[in-house]
Protein backbone atom coordinates (compact mmCIF):
# COMPACT_ATOMS: atom_id res chain seq x y z
CA MET A 1 -102.41 239.62 -26.91
CA GLU A 2 -98.39 238.97 -26.00
CA THR A 3 -96.29 236.73 -27.86
CA LYS A 4 -94.12 234.86 -25.80
CA ASN A 5 -91.11 232.78 -27.28
CA VAL A 6 -90.95 229.31 -26.67
CA LYS A 7 -87.45 227.70 -26.64
CA ILE A 8 -87.51 224.33 -26.63
CA GLU A 9 -83.39 222.92 -25.23
CA VAL A 10 -82.46 219.20 -26.85
CA ALA A 11 -79.45 217.69 -24.30
CA ASP A 12 -76.24 216.66 -26.63
CA PRO A 13 -76.94 214.06 -29.50
CA THR A 14 -72.66 213.95 -29.47
CA THR A 15 -72.93 210.31 -27.99
CA LEU A 16 -75.45 208.76 -28.99
CA GLY A 17 -73.75 209.73 -32.85
CA LEU A 18 -70.38 208.80 -32.00
CA PHE A 19 -72.65 205.52 -30.99
CA GLY A 20 -73.30 204.66 -34.08
CA LEU A 21 -70.24 205.68 -35.47
CA ALA A 22 -68.33 202.18 -32.90
CA ILE A 23 -71.02 200.37 -33.64
CA VAL A 24 -71.44 200.59 -37.18
CA THR A 25 -67.11 200.02 -37.06
CA LEU A 26 -66.66 197.68 -34.83
CA VAL A 27 -69.32 195.68 -36.90
CA ALA A 28 -67.94 196.43 -40.37
CA SER A 29 -64.01 195.96 -38.82
CA SER A 30 -64.76 192.28 -37.72
CA GLN A 31 -65.88 191.50 -41.78
CA LYS A 32 -62.35 192.96 -43.28
CA MET A 33 -60.91 190.89 -40.49
CA GLU A 34 -62.29 188.00 -41.74
CA LEU A 35 -63.50 187.24 -38.40
CA THR A 36 -67.45 187.41 -39.65
CA SER A 37 -67.82 186.35 -42.83
CA GLY A 38 -70.64 188.32 -44.82
CA LEU A 39 -72.59 191.44 -45.13
CA SER A 40 -75.85 190.25 -44.18
CA LEU A 41 -75.89 190.96 -40.65
CA VAL A 42 -73.52 194.18 -40.96
CA LEU A 43 -76.38 196.10 -43.23
CA PRO A 44 -78.67 196.22 -40.71
CA TRP A 45 -76.25 198.01 -38.18
CA ALA A 46 -74.73 200.47 -41.14
CA ILE A 47 -78.32 201.91 -41.76
CA PHE A 48 -79.69 202.37 -38.15
CA LEU A 49 -76.72 202.83 -36.37
CA GLY A 50 -74.55 204.24 -38.47
CA GLY A 51 -76.64 205.97 -41.00
CA ILE A 52 -80.07 206.89 -38.84
CA ALA A 53 -78.16 207.39 -35.84
CA GLN A 54 -75.64 209.63 -36.90
CA LEU A 55 -78.28 211.59 -38.96
CA ILE A 56 -80.12 211.75 -35.81
CA ALA A 57 -77.30 213.45 -34.31
CA SER A 58 -76.87 215.72 -36.48
CA LEU A 59 -80.14 217.24 -36.51
CA PHE A 60 -79.87 217.58 -33.07
CA ASP A 61 -76.60 219.38 -33.97
CA PHE A 62 -77.34 221.79 -36.04
CA LYS A 63 -80.29 222.85 -33.07
CA HIS A 64 -76.69 223.03 -31.24
CA ASN A 65 -75.39 225.52 -33.94
CA ASN A 66 -72.49 222.80 -33.76
CA LEU A 67 -71.28 223.68 -36.95
CA PHE A 68 -68.48 220.53 -37.10
CA GLY A 69 -71.17 217.45 -34.91
CA ALA A 70 -73.74 218.81 -37.81
CA THR A 71 -71.78 218.60 -40.69
CA ALA A 72 -69.56 215.26 -39.91
CA PHE A 73 -72.28 213.13 -38.02
CA SER A 74 -74.76 214.01 -41.61
CA ALA A 75 -71.86 212.90 -43.83
CA TYR A 76 -70.69 210.22 -42.22
CA GLY A 77 -74.80 209.02 -41.90
CA LEU A 78 -75.36 209.54 -45.17
CA PHE A 79 -72.51 207.18 -45.92
CA TRP A 80 -73.34 204.48 -44.20
CA ILE A 81 -76.65 204.52 -46.37
CA GLY A 82 -74.58 204.70 -48.92
CA MET A 83 -72.42 201.84 -48.05
CA ALA A 84 -75.98 199.75 -47.61
CA MET A 85 -77.35 200.47 -50.30
CA SER A 86 -74.15 199.70 -52.47
CA TRP A 87 -74.07 196.34 -50.91
CA LEU A 88 -77.42 195.02 -50.97
CA ILE A 89 -76.41 196.57 -54.81
CA LYS A 90 -73.41 193.98 -55.15
CA LEU A 91 -75.23 191.32 -53.08
CA GLY A 92 -77.99 191.30 -56.09
CA CYS A 93 -80.97 192.74 -54.03
CA PHE A 94 -81.80 195.32 -57.13
CA GLY A 95 -81.55 192.49 -59.93
CA ASP A 96 -77.88 191.07 -61.53
CA THR A 97 -77.86 194.07 -63.92
CA LEU A 98 -77.14 196.34 -61.58
CA ALA A 99 -75.14 193.75 -59.96
CA GLN A 100 -72.95 192.63 -62.73
CA ALA A 101 -72.25 196.85 -63.54
CA VAL A 102 -70.83 196.88 -59.85
CA ASP A 103 -66.94 198.79 -61.17
CA VAL A 104 -65.44 199.01 -57.21
CA LYS A 105 -63.72 202.15 -58.40
CA GLN A 106 -66.29 204.32 -58.50
CA LEU A 107 -66.58 203.37 -54.66
CA GLY A 108 -62.44 204.42 -54.45
CA PHE A 109 -63.71 207.75 -55.61
CA VAL A 110 -66.62 208.00 -52.79
CA PHE A 111 -63.99 206.60 -50.65
CA VAL A 112 -60.94 210.00 -51.85
CA GLY A 113 -64.11 211.94 -51.30
CA TYR A 114 -64.54 211.34 -48.36
CA MET A 115 -61.06 211.48 -47.49
CA ILE A 116 -60.47 215.06 -48.44
CA LEU A 117 -63.57 215.76 -46.50
CA THR A 118 -62.04 214.29 -43.65
CA ILE A 119 -59.09 216.12 -43.27
CA VAL A 120 -60.62 219.36 -43.15
CA PHE A 121 -61.69 217.84 -40.11
CA THR A 122 -58.93 216.50 -38.70
CA ILE A 123 -57.16 220.19 -39.28
CA SER A 124 -60.28 221.27 -37.17
CA GLY A 125 -59.37 218.63 -34.27
CA LEU A 126 -56.27 220.44 -32.83
CA LYS A 127 -58.62 222.52 -31.77
CA MET A 128 -60.59 219.91 -30.09
CA SER A 129 -59.15 217.21 -27.65
CA LYS A 130 -55.95 215.21 -28.19
CA ALA A 131 -58.85 212.42 -28.54
CA MET A 132 -60.97 213.58 -31.48
CA PHE A 133 -58.01 214.55 -33.74
CA VAL A 134 -56.14 211.01 -33.09
CA LEU A 135 -59.64 210.02 -34.29
CA LEU A 136 -60.48 212.25 -36.98
CA LEU A 137 -56.53 211.23 -38.34
CA LEU A 138 -57.64 207.38 -37.96
CA ILE A 139 -60.63 208.31 -40.19
CA VAL A 140 -58.48 209.64 -42.73
CA VAL A 141 -56.29 206.31 -43.18
CA LEU A 142 -58.79 204.56 -43.41
CA PHE A 143 -60.96 205.97 -45.95
CA LEU A 144 -56.80 205.85 -47.48
CA GLY A 145 -57.35 202.31 -47.05
CA LEU A 146 -60.65 202.07 -48.92
CA ALA A 147 -59.65 203.82 -51.71
CA LEU A 148 -56.58 201.83 -51.90
CA ASP A 149 -57.65 198.65 -52.32
CA SER A 150 -60.83 199.87 -53.84
CA PHE A 151 -58.65 200.88 -57.21
CA GLY A 152 -56.37 197.38 -56.70
CA CYS A 153 -53.54 199.07 -55.21
CA GLY A 154 -52.88 195.24 -53.38
CA HIS A 155 -54.30 193.65 -50.31
CA VAL A 156 -52.40 195.40 -47.53
CA TRP A 157 -54.59 198.48 -48.09
CA HIS A 158 -58.19 196.05 -47.03
CA ALA A 159 -55.77 195.24 -44.33
CA VAL A 160 -54.68 198.94 -43.16
CA ALA A 161 -58.32 200.16 -43.59
CA ALA A 162 -60.33 197.01 -41.04
CA TYR A 163 -57.44 197.77 -38.45
CA ALA A 164 -57.61 201.48 -38.80
CA GLU A 165 -61.33 200.66 -38.30
CA LEU A 166 -61.30 198.71 -35.71
CA ALA A 167 -59.20 201.39 -33.76
CA ILE A 168 -61.77 204.04 -34.66
CA SER A 169 -64.70 202.00 -32.79
CA LEU A 170 -62.37 201.61 -29.83
CA LEU A 171 -61.15 205.00 -29.45
CA THR A 172 -65.03 206.18 -30.01
CA PHE A 173 -66.17 204.14 -27.32
CA TYR A 174 -63.29 205.57 -25.40
CA VAL A 175 -64.91 209.53 -26.43
CA LEU A 176 -68.38 208.91 -25.97
CA ALA A 177 -67.21 207.13 -22.21
CA ALA A 178 -65.58 210.61 -22.03
CA LYS A 179 -68.57 212.73 -23.18
CA TYR A 180 -70.85 211.21 -21.29
CA LEU A 181 -69.45 210.56 -18.09
CA ASN A 182 -67.67 213.91 -16.97
CA SER A 183 -70.82 215.72 -18.61
CA PHE A 184 -72.91 213.21 -16.33
CA PHE A 185 -70.55 213.94 -13.07
CA GLY A 186 -69.59 217.25 -13.70
CA LYS A 187 -66.13 216.62 -13.96
CA ASN A 188 -63.46 215.04 -15.80
CA ILE A 189 -62.60 212.17 -14.73
CA VAL A 190 -62.12 209.72 -18.28
CA PRO A 191 -59.28 212.63 -19.80
CA VAL A 192 -59.47 213.32 -23.86
CA GLY A 193 -55.98 215.68 -23.62
CA SER A 194 -56.05 219.35 -24.28
CA PRO A 195 -55.84 221.00 -28.00
CA ILE A 196 -53.42 220.75 -29.99
CA LEU A 197 -53.60 224.42 -31.11
CA LYS A 198 -55.50 226.84 -28.52
């Protein structure tokens, strides 16, 4: 009996992961900038687009042997699920005991850890497009602002985080459009800039 190997090809999941990042940062930045209020309607987008969509993208990037995409999308996807859980605790959804024991400085240490991870990604971004490098740099600024705000270093860091998050969303939409349209049309119609390091 002859054995055949079947190779199942999957589409590049990058645009799905980028869309998840773009939407959740757009909604979250609107809350930080006080254009909207509360966390009730940030939560579903944090869980489904920020979390699950990026996790789906990461799983398929593992299949594509894309180390950066797999690591980044899974790390950031889990970040948003963790943030959603933290907000639920803070809002008292798991009872008063947990809500009253919240120490925002603990989140500050999470943000520091994610900032370190993103610095590593940013270094690898030198070999990606200029747009991706700038996007990763903005994410470093976001985590710096979030960390310093959590540690009580002044409201200015909240504003830094808010505007960095908005910039991340807008640039992510641009990178998403470039990835999708350039792939769809088979030519470079939305420029993203050549890598800084060849």
